[in-house]
């Protein structure tokens, strides 16, 4: 591995740390819904029973979103650390694949061999 490759891996690991921080920050947005859910559970409006069930729904959904976001951010930060240490490249590839924005597209659809480009 030459010096250019080492520099690129160092920059890539720094970018992993930055994106992990931003992801962890945005994963905190559902804390608002968590608070609303707890409010509906422990201090529901008088005479209504339905908000309690809605509060449980808010708490469960917000908890799942927060924990999954923080878990993905932690995995991304760990992948950045692994890139800086030049090890566990498979883990880094799996984490990178989970962060793709085109989740609805199968991985084989983006390969050049899957497109005939008009050729028979």
N, C-alpha and C. Protein backbone atom coordinates (compact mmCIF):
# COMPACT_ATOMS: atom_id res chain seq x y z
N UNK A 1 0.85 -1.17 0.00
CA UNK A 1 0.00 0.00 0.00
C UNK A 1 0.90 1.24 0.00
N UNK A 2 0.68 2.11 -0.99
CA UNK A 2 1.52 3.29 -1.09
C UNK A 2 0.98 4.43 -0.24
N UNK A 3 1.68 5.54 -0.26
CA UNK A 3 1.34 6.68 0.60
C UNK A 3 0.00 7.32 0.20
N UNK A 4 -0.31 7.33 -1.08
CA UNK A 4 -1.59 7.89 -1.53
C UNK A 4 -2.75 7.07 -0.99
N UNK A 5 -2.63 5.75 -1.01
CA UNK A 5 -3.69 4.90 -0.48
C UNK A 5 -3.88 5.13 1.02
N UNK A 6 -2.79 5.29 1.73
CA UNK A 6 -2.88 5.54 3.17
C UNK A 6 -3.58 6.87 3.45
N UNK A 7 -3.27 7.87 2.65
CA UNK A 7 -3.91 9.19 2.83
C UNK A 7 -5.41 9.11 2.52
N UNK A 8 -5.77 8.37 1.48
CA UNK A 8 -7.19 8.22 1.15
C UNK A 8 -7.94 7.49 2.24
N UNK A 9 -7.35 6.45 2.81
CA UNK A 9 -8.00 5.73 3.90
C UNK A 9 -8.13 6.60 5.14
N UNK A 10 -7.13 7.45 5.39
CA UNK A 10 -7.21 8.35 6.54
C UNK A 10 -8.35 9.35 6.36
N UNK A 11 -8.46 9.92 5.16
CA UNK A 11 -9.56 10.85 4.89
C UNK A 11 -10.91 10.15 4.95
N UNK A 12 -10.98 8.94 4.44
CA UNK A 12 -12.23 8.19 4.47
C UNK A 12 -12.65 7.89 5.92
N UNK A 13 -11.68 7.59 6.76
CA UNK A 13 -12.01 7.33 8.17
C UNK A 13 -12.51 8.60 8.85
N UNK A 14 -11.92 9.74 8.52
CA UNK A 14 -12.39 11.01 9.09
C UNK A 14 -13.82 11.30 8.65
N UNK A 15 -14.11 11.06 7.37
CA UNK A 15 -15.47 11.28 6.87
C UNK A 15 -16.46 10.32 7.52
N UNK A 16 -16.02 9.11 7.83
CA UNK A 16 -16.89 8.18 8.55
C UNK A 16 -17.25 8.74 9.92
N UNK A 17 -16.28 9.32 10.62
CA UNK A 17 -16.54 9.90 11.93
C UNK A 17 -17.53 11.06 11.83
N UNK A 18 -17.34 11.91 10.82
CA UNK A 18 -18.22 13.07 10.65
C UNK A 18 -19.65 12.64 10.35
N UNK A 19 -19.81 11.70 9.43
CA UNK A 19 -21.15 11.23 9.07
C UNK A 19 -21.79 10.50 10.24
N UNK A 20 -21.00 9.76 11.02
CA UNK A 20 -21.54 9.08 12.20
C UNK A 20 -22.07 10.10 13.21
N UNK A 21 -21.37 11.20 13.39
CA UNK A 21 -21.83 12.24 14.30
C UNK A 21 -23.12 12.89 13.83
N UNK A 22 -23.20 13.19 12.53
CA UNK A 22 -24.41 13.79 11.98
C UNK A 22 -25.59 12.81 12.07
N UNK A 23 -25.32 11.55 11.79
CA UNK A 23 -26.36 10.53 11.87
C UNK A 23 -26.87 10.38 13.31
N UNK A 24 -25.96 10.39 14.27
CA UNK A 24 -26.38 10.29 15.67
C UNK A 24 -27.20 11.51 16.08
N UNK A 25 -26.84 12.67 15.56
CA UNK A 25 -27.59 13.88 15.87
C UNK A 25 -29.01 13.81 15.30
N UNK A 26 -29.14 13.39 14.05
CA UNK A 26 -30.47 13.29 13.44
C UNK A 26 -31.28 12.14 14.01
N UNK A 27 -30.61 11.15 14.57
CA UNK A 27 -31.35 10.06 15.21
C UNK A 27 -32.00 10.52 16.51
N UNK A 28 -31.62 11.69 17.00
CA UNK A 28 -32.22 12.23 18.23
C UNK A 28 -33.54 12.96 17.97
N UNK A 29 -33.90 13.18 16.72
CA UNK A 29 -35.13 13.90 16.40
C UNK A 29 -36.37 13.21 16.97
N UNK A 30 -36.47 11.87 16.93
CA UNK A 30 -37.67 11.23 17.49
C UNK A 30 -37.79 11.34 19.01
N UNK A 31 -36.84 11.99 19.68
CA UNK A 31 -36.98 12.20 21.12
C UNK A 31 -38.22 13.06 21.41
N UNK A 32 -38.56 13.93 20.46
CA UNK A 32 -39.78 14.73 20.61
C UNK A 32 -41.00 13.81 20.67
N UNK A 33 -41.05 12.84 19.78
CA UNK A 33 -42.17 11.91 19.76
C UNK A 33 -42.18 11.02 21.01
N UNK A 34 -41.00 10.71 21.50
CA UNK A 34 -40.90 9.93 22.73
C UNK A 34 -41.51 10.70 23.90
N UNK A 35 -41.20 11.99 23.96
CA UNK A 35 -41.78 12.83 25.02
C UNK A 35 -43.28 12.95 24.91
N UNK A 36 -43.78 13.13 23.69
CA UNK A 36 -45.22 13.21 23.48
C UNK A 36 -45.89 11.90 23.87
N UNK A 37 -45.25 10.79 23.53
CA UNK A 37 -45.80 9.49 23.89
C UNK A 37 -45.87 9.29 25.39
N UNK A 38 -44.81 9.67 26.10
CA UNK A 38 -44.84 9.56 27.56
C UNK A 38 -45.89 10.48 28.16
N UNK A 39 -46.06 11.65 27.58
CA UNK A 39 -47.10 12.57 28.06
C UNK A 39 -48.48 11.95 27.89
N UNK A 40 -48.71 11.31 26.74
CA UNK A 40 -50.02 10.70 26.49
C UNK A 40 -50.25 9.47 27.38
N UNK A 41 -49.18 8.82 27.80
CA UNK A 41 -49.33 7.65 28.67
C UNK A 41 -49.59 8.07 30.12
N UNK A 42 -48.78 8.99 30.62
CA UNK A 42 -48.82 9.31 32.05
C UNK A 42 -49.72 10.50 32.39
N UNK A 43 -50.06 11.34 31.44
CA UNK A 43 -50.95 12.47 31.71
C UNK A 43 -51.94 12.63 30.55
N UNK A 44 -52.78 11.64 30.31
CA UNK A 44 -53.70 11.74 29.18
C UNK A 44 -54.78 12.78 29.44
N UNK A 45 -55.36 13.31 28.37
CA UNK A 45 -56.47 14.24 28.55
C UNK A 45 -57.62 13.54 29.26
N UNK A 46 -58.36 14.28 30.06
CA UNK A 46 -59.45 13.70 30.86
C UNK A 46 -60.54 13.14 29.97
N UNK A 47 -61.02 11.93 30.32
CA UNK A 47 -62.15 11.34 29.64
C UNK A 47 -61.82 10.60 28.36
N UNK A 48 -60.57 10.48 27.99
CA UNK A 48 -60.22 9.79 26.75
C UNK A 48 -59.27 8.63 27.06
N UNK A 49 -59.60 7.46 26.56
CA UNK A 49 -58.75 6.29 26.78
C UNK A 49 -57.86 6.01 25.58
N UNK A 50 -58.27 6.46 24.40
CA UNK A 50 -57.51 6.18 23.18
C UNK A 50 -56.11 6.80 23.18
N UNK A 51 -55.90 8.00 23.74
CA UNK A 51 -54.56 8.57 23.71
C UNK A 51 -53.50 7.73 24.43
N UNK A 52 -53.93 6.92 25.39
CA UNK A 52 -52.96 6.07 26.08
C UNK A 52 -52.36 5.04 25.11
N UNK A 53 -53.21 4.42 24.27
CA UNK A 53 -52.72 3.47 23.27
C UNK A 53 -51.86 4.18 22.22
N UNK A 54 -52.26 5.39 21.85
CA UNK A 54 -51.47 6.18 20.91
C UNK A 54 -50.12 6.54 21.52
N UNK A 55 -50.11 6.82 22.81
CA UNK A 55 -48.85 7.12 23.50
C UNK A 55 -47.91 5.94 23.50
N UNK A 56 -48.45 4.75 23.72
CA UNK A 56 -47.61 3.54 23.67
C UNK A 56 -47.04 3.37 22.27
N UNK A 57 -47.86 3.60 21.24
CA UNK A 57 -47.38 3.51 19.86
C UNK A 57 -46.25 4.51 19.62
N UNK A 58 -46.41 5.73 20.07
CA UNK A 58 -45.37 6.75 19.89
C UNK A 58 -44.08 6.34 20.59
N UNK A 59 -44.19 5.84 21.81
CA UNK A 59 -43.00 5.47 22.58
C UNK A 59 -42.27 4.32 21.90
N UNK A 60 -43.00 3.31 21.47
CA UNK A 60 -42.36 2.15 20.83
C UNK A 60 -41.70 2.55 19.52
N UNK A 61 -42.42 3.27 18.67
CA UNK A 61 -41.87 3.66 17.37
C UNK A 61 -40.67 4.59 17.53
N UNK A 62 -40.77 5.58 18.41
CA UNK A 62 -39.66 6.50 18.63
C UNK A 62 -38.44 5.77 19.21
N UNK A 63 -38.67 4.84 20.11
CA UNK A 63 -37.56 4.08 20.68
C UNK A 63 -36.84 3.25 19.63
N UNK A 64 -37.61 2.63 18.75
CA UNK A 64 -37.00 1.83 17.68
C UNK A 64 -36.19 2.72 16.75
N UNK A 65 -36.73 3.87 16.37
CA UNK A 65 -36.02 4.77 15.47
C UNK A 65 -34.74 5.32 16.11
N UNK A 66 -34.81 5.71 17.37
CA UNK A 66 -33.64 6.26 18.06
C UNK A 66 -32.56 5.20 18.20
N UNK A 67 -32.94 4.03 18.66
CA UNK A 67 -31.94 2.97 18.87
C UNK A 67 -31.32 2.49 17.57
N UNK A 68 -32.12 2.38 16.52
CA UNK A 68 -31.54 1.94 15.25
C UNK A 68 -30.61 3.02 14.67
N UNK A 69 -30.97 4.28 14.81
CA UNK A 69 -30.09 5.36 14.34
C UNK A 69 -28.79 5.42 15.10
N UNK A 70 -28.87 5.31 16.42
CA UNK A 70 -27.65 5.33 17.23
C UNK A 70 -26.78 4.11 16.96
N UNK A 71 -27.41 2.95 16.74
CA UNK A 71 -26.65 1.74 16.44
C UNK A 71 -25.92 1.87 15.11
N UNK A 72 -26.60 2.38 14.11
CA UNK A 72 -25.96 2.58 12.81
C UNK A 72 -24.84 3.61 12.90
N UNK A 73 -25.03 4.65 13.69
CA UNK A 73 -23.98 5.66 13.88
C UNK A 73 -22.77 5.05 14.58
N UNK A 74 -23.01 4.21 15.58
CA UNK A 74 -21.89 3.56 16.28
C UNK A 74 -21.15 2.61 15.35
N UNK A 75 -21.89 1.87 14.53
CA UNK A 75 -21.24 0.97 13.56
C UNK A 75 -20.43 1.77 12.55
N UNK A 76 -20.93 2.91 12.13
CA UNK A 76 -20.20 3.75 11.18
C UNK A 76 -18.93 4.32 11.80
N UNK A 77 -19.01 4.75 13.04
CA UNK A 77 -17.81 5.25 13.72
C UNK A 77 -16.79 4.13 13.90
N UNK A 78 -17.25 2.94 14.23
CA UNK A 78 -16.34 1.80 14.37
C UNK A 78 -15.72 1.43 13.03
N UNK A 79 -16.49 1.54 11.95
CA UNK A 79 -15.95 1.29 10.61
C UNK A 79 -14.87 2.32 10.27
N UNK A 80 -15.07 3.57 10.68
CA UNK A 80 -14.03 4.57 10.48
C UNK A 80 -12.76 4.24 11.24
N UNK A 81 -12.93 3.74 12.44
CA UNK A 81 -11.76 3.33 13.22
C UNK A 81 -11.05 2.14 12.57
N UNK A 82 -11.83 1.21 12.04
CA UNK A 82 -11.24 0.05 11.37
C UNK A 82 -10.50 0.47 10.10
N UNK A 83 -11.05 1.43 9.37
CA UNK A 83 -10.36 1.92 8.18
C UNK A 83 -9.04 2.59 8.54
N UNK A 84 -9.03 3.33 9.64
CA UNK A 84 -7.80 3.99 10.07
C UNK A 84 -6.75 2.97 10.49
N UNK A 85 -7.20 1.84 11.03
CA UNK A 85 -6.27 0.80 11.47
C UNK A 85 -5.96 -0.21 10.37
N UNK A 86 -6.55 -0.06 9.19
CA UNK A 86 -6.33 -0.96 8.04
C UNK A 86 -6.71 -2.40 8.35
N UNK A 87 -7.89 -2.59 8.93
CA UNK A 87 -8.36 -3.95 9.19
C UNK A 87 -9.88 -3.98 9.11
N UNK A 88 -10.44 -5.18 9.05
CA UNK A 88 -11.89 -5.43 8.99
C UNK A 88 -12.56 -4.71 7.81
N UNK A 89 -12.00 -4.89 6.63
CA UNK A 89 -12.56 -4.23 5.45
C UNK A 89 -13.95 -4.77 5.10
N UNK A 90 -14.20 -6.04 5.39
CA UNK A 90 -15.52 -6.60 5.10
C UNK A 90 -16.60 -5.92 5.94
N UNK A 91 -16.30 -5.68 7.21
CA UNK A 91 -17.24 -4.96 8.06
C UNK A 91 -17.51 -3.57 7.51
N UNK A 92 -16.47 -2.89 7.05
CA UNK A 92 -16.62 -1.55 6.49
C UNK A 92 -17.49 -1.58 5.23
N UNK A 93 -17.35 -2.61 4.41
CA UNK A 93 -18.17 -2.73 3.21
C UNK A 93 -19.64 -2.98 3.57
N UNK A 94 -19.88 -3.80 4.59
CA UNK A 94 -21.26 -4.09 5.00
C UNK A 94 -21.92 -2.83 5.55
N UNK A 95 -21.21 -2.07 6.38
CA UNK A 95 -21.77 -0.83 6.93
C UNK A 95 -22.02 0.17 5.81
N UNK A 96 -21.10 0.26 4.88
CA UNK A 96 -21.29 1.17 3.74
C UNK A 96 -22.49 0.78 2.90
N UNK A 97 -22.71 -0.53 2.76
CA UNK A 97 -23.87 -0.99 2.00
C UNK A 97 -25.17 -0.64 2.71
N UNK A 98 -25.20 -0.69 4.02
CA UNK A 98 -26.40 -0.34 4.79
C UNK A 98 -26.71 1.15 4.69
N UNK A 99 -25.72 1.95 4.38
CA UNK A 99 -25.92 3.40 4.30
C UNK A 99 -26.27 3.89 2.90
N UNK A 100 -26.38 2.97 1.96
CA UNK A 100 -26.72 3.40 0.61
C UNK A 100 -28.07 4.09 0.60
N UNK A 101 -28.19 5.13 -0.19
CA UNK A 101 -29.46 5.85 -0.27
C UNK A 101 -30.45 5.14 -1.18
N UNK A 102 -29.98 4.32 -2.09
CA UNK A 102 -30.86 3.62 -3.02
C UNK A 102 -31.18 2.23 -2.47
N UNK A 103 -31.81 2.15 -1.33
CA UNK A 103 -32.10 0.86 -0.70
C UNK A 103 -33.09 0.03 -1.51
N UNK A 104 -33.94 0.67 -2.29
CA UNK A 104 -34.94 -0.07 -3.03
C UNK A 104 -34.35 -0.76 -4.26
N UNK A 105 -33.13 -0.40 -4.64
CA UNK A 105 -32.50 -0.99 -5.81
C UNK A 105 -31.67 -2.20 -5.39
N UNK A 106 -31.88 -3.34 -6.01
CA UNK A 106 -31.05 -4.50 -5.64
C UNK A 106 -29.60 -4.25 -6.01
N UNK A 107 -28.68 -4.84 -5.28
CA UNK A 107 -27.26 -4.58 -5.50
C UNK A 107 -26.81 -5.03 -6.87
N UNK A 108 -27.44 -6.05 -7.44
CA UNK A 108 -27.02 -6.52 -8.77
C UNK A 108 -27.48 -5.58 -9.87
N UNK A 109 -28.45 -4.71 -9.62
CA UNK A 109 -28.97 -3.84 -10.67
C UNK A 109 -28.02 -2.71 -11.01
N UNK A 110 -27.10 -2.37 -10.14
CA UNK A 110 -26.20 -1.26 -10.41
C UNK A 110 -24.89 -1.71 -11.04
N UNK A 111 -24.71 -3.01 -11.25
CA UNK A 111 -23.47 -3.49 -11.84
C UNK A 111 -23.50 -3.29 -13.35
N UNK A 112 -22.35 -2.97 -13.96
CA UNK A 112 -22.33 -2.72 -15.41
C UNK A 112 -22.69 -3.96 -16.22
N UNK A 113 -22.47 -5.16 -15.69
CA UNK A 113 -22.74 -6.36 -16.46
C UNK A 113 -24.23 -6.63 -16.59
N UNK A 114 -25.07 -5.99 -15.76
CA UNK A 114 -26.51 -6.25 -15.82
C UNK A 114 -27.20 -5.44 -16.90
N UNK A 115 -26.50 -4.49 -17.49
CA UNK A 115 -27.09 -3.66 -18.52
C UNK A 115 -26.50 -4.04 -19.88
N UNK A 116 -27.37 -4.40 -20.81
CA UNK A 116 -26.88 -4.78 -22.14
C UNK A 116 -26.63 -3.55 -23.01
N UNK A 117 -27.18 -2.40 -22.64
CA UNK A 117 -27.00 -1.14 -23.35
C UNK A 117 -27.35 -1.26 -24.83
N UNK A 118 -28.39 -2.01 -25.14
CA UNK A 118 -28.86 -2.12 -26.52
C UNK A 118 -28.17 -3.21 -27.31
N UNK A 119 -27.22 -3.86 -26.74
CA UNK A 119 -26.53 -4.95 -27.45
C UNK A 119 -27.25 -6.26 -27.20
N UNK A 120 -27.24 -7.10 -28.19
CA UNK A 120 -27.90 -8.40 -28.05
C UNK A 120 -27.01 -9.43 -27.40
